[in-house]
Amino acid sequence: MNDAQVLEIITGALVIGTKLAGPMLMASLVIGVVISVIQTVTQIQEMSLTFVPKLIGVALIIVVGGSWMMRELTSWVTALWRTIPGLV
């Protein structure tokens, strides 16, 4: 196993992690900004007001895209396991 193979595995792990976490993080970011603007305009400073919508948004992303996320992760891990015999 050489340095290039290690870097390829690490790069693949970072890419798959970004692909899987990206939609949830973006939904949380957008919901947080919208709720913050609403709180600023209405001067309501309730902490749970930001938490619950983010939780619901992330849960919806997981329900809608969960099968895609599992397929992506499974295909990456399968490809990783197939390359293990050639790494030695």
Protein backbone atom coordinates (compact mmCIF):
# COMPACT_ATOMS: atom_id res chain seq x y z
CA MET A 1 0.00 0.00 0.00
CA ASN A 2 1.56 3.25 -1.09
CA ASP A 3 0.82 6.90 -0.38
CA ALA A 4 -1.27 7.38 -3.52
CA GLN A 5 -3.62 4.56 -2.55
CA VAL A 6 -4.03 5.94 0.97
CA LEU A 7 -4.78 9.41 -0.39
CA GLU A 8 -7.31 7.93 -2.83
CA ILE A 9 -9.14 6.16 0.00
CA ILE A 10 -9.12 9.27 2.19
CA THR A 11 -10.32 11.44 -0.68
CA GLY A 12 -13.13 9.01 -1.42
CA ALA A 13 -14.17 8.99 2.24
CA LEU A 14 -14.22 12.80 2.36
CA VAL A 15 -16.22 13.02 -0.87
CA ILE A 16 -18.81 10.48 0.26
CA GLY A 17 -19.07 12.20 3.64
CA THR A 18 -19.66 15.54 1.96
CA LYS A 19 -22.24 14.08 -0.41
CA LEU A 20 -24.16 12.47 2.42
CA ALA A 21 -23.99 15.33 4.93
CA GLY A 22 -24.39 18.16 2.42
CA PRO A 23 -28.17 18.06 1.92
CA MET A 24 -28.85 17.89 5.66
CA LEU A 25 -26.42 20.71 6.42
CA MET A 26 -27.81 22.90 3.65
CA ALA A 27 -31.40 22.34 4.81
CA SER A 28 -30.40 23.16 8.38
CA LEU A 29 -28.56 26.29 7.22
CA VAL A 30 -31.45 27.58 5.11
CA ILE A 31 -34.03 26.88 7.81
CA GLY A 32 -31.81 28.52 10.43
CA VAL A 33 -31.37 31.68 8.38
CA VAL A 34 -35.09 31.93 7.62
CA ILE A 35 -36.03 31.42 11.27
CA SER A 36 -33.37 33.95 12.36
CA VAL A 37 -34.80 36.57 10.01
CA ILE A 38 -38.30 35.88 11.30
CA GLN A 39 -37.05 36.15 14.90
CA THR A 40 -35.32 39.42 14.14
CA VAL A 41 -38.37 40.92 12.50
CA THR A 42 -40.81 39.80 15.19
CA GLN A 43 -38.35 40.18 18.12
CA ILE A 44 -39.23 36.69 19.41
CA GLN A 45 -36.09 35.17 20.95
CA GLU A 46 -37.15 31.62 21.77
CA MET A 47 -34.35 29.02 21.48
CA SER A 48 -36.61 26.08 20.68
CA LEU A 49 -38.06 28.01 17.76
CA THR A 50 -34.87 27.39 15.79
CA PHE A 51 -34.28 23.82 16.95
CA VAL A 52 -37.62 22.21 16.10
CA PRO A 53 -37.87 23.38 12.45
CA LYS A 54 -34.26 22.30 11.82
CA LEU A 55 -34.99 18.91 13.31
CA ILE A 56 -38.08 18.50 11.15
CA GLY A 57 -36.22 19.66 8.03
CA VAL A 58 -33.32 17.24 8.57
CA ALA A 59 -35.78 14.41 9.29
CA LEU A 60 -37.59 15.15 6.01
CA ILE A 61 -34.29 15.11 4.12
CA ILE A 62 -33.46 11.73 5.65
CA VAL A 63 -36.91 10.34 4.81
CA VAL A 64 -36.78 11.61 1.23
CA GLY A 65 -33.11 10.96 0.48
CA GLY A 66 -32.29 8.15 2.89
CA SER A 67 -32.41 5.41 0.28
CA TRP A 68 -30.13 7.40 -2.02
CA MET A 69 -27.72 8.00 0.87
CA MET A 70 -27.65 4.29 1.72
CA ARG A 71 -27.06 3.35 -1.94
CA GLU A 72 -24.17 5.81 -2.21
CA LEU A 73 -22.56 4.64 1.01
CA THR A 74 -23.06 0.96 0.17
CA SER A 75 -21.58 1.33 -3.31
CA TRP A 76 -18.54 3.19 -1.93
CA VAL A 77 -17.92 0.61 0.79
CA THR A 78 -18.38 -2.24 -1.71
CA ALA A 79 -15.84 -0.65 -4.03
CA LEU A 80 -13.48 -0.15 -1.09
CA TRP A 81 -13.78 -3.80 -0.04
CA ARG A 82 -13.10 -4.90 -3.63
CA THR A 83 -9.84 -2.94 -3.69
CA ILE A 84 -8.52 -4.42 -0.43
CA PRO A 85 -6.87 -7.50 -2.03
CA GLY A 86 -4.90 -5.26 -4.38
CA LEU A 87 -3.60 -2.98 -1.63
CA VAL A 88 -1.02 -5.36 -0.22
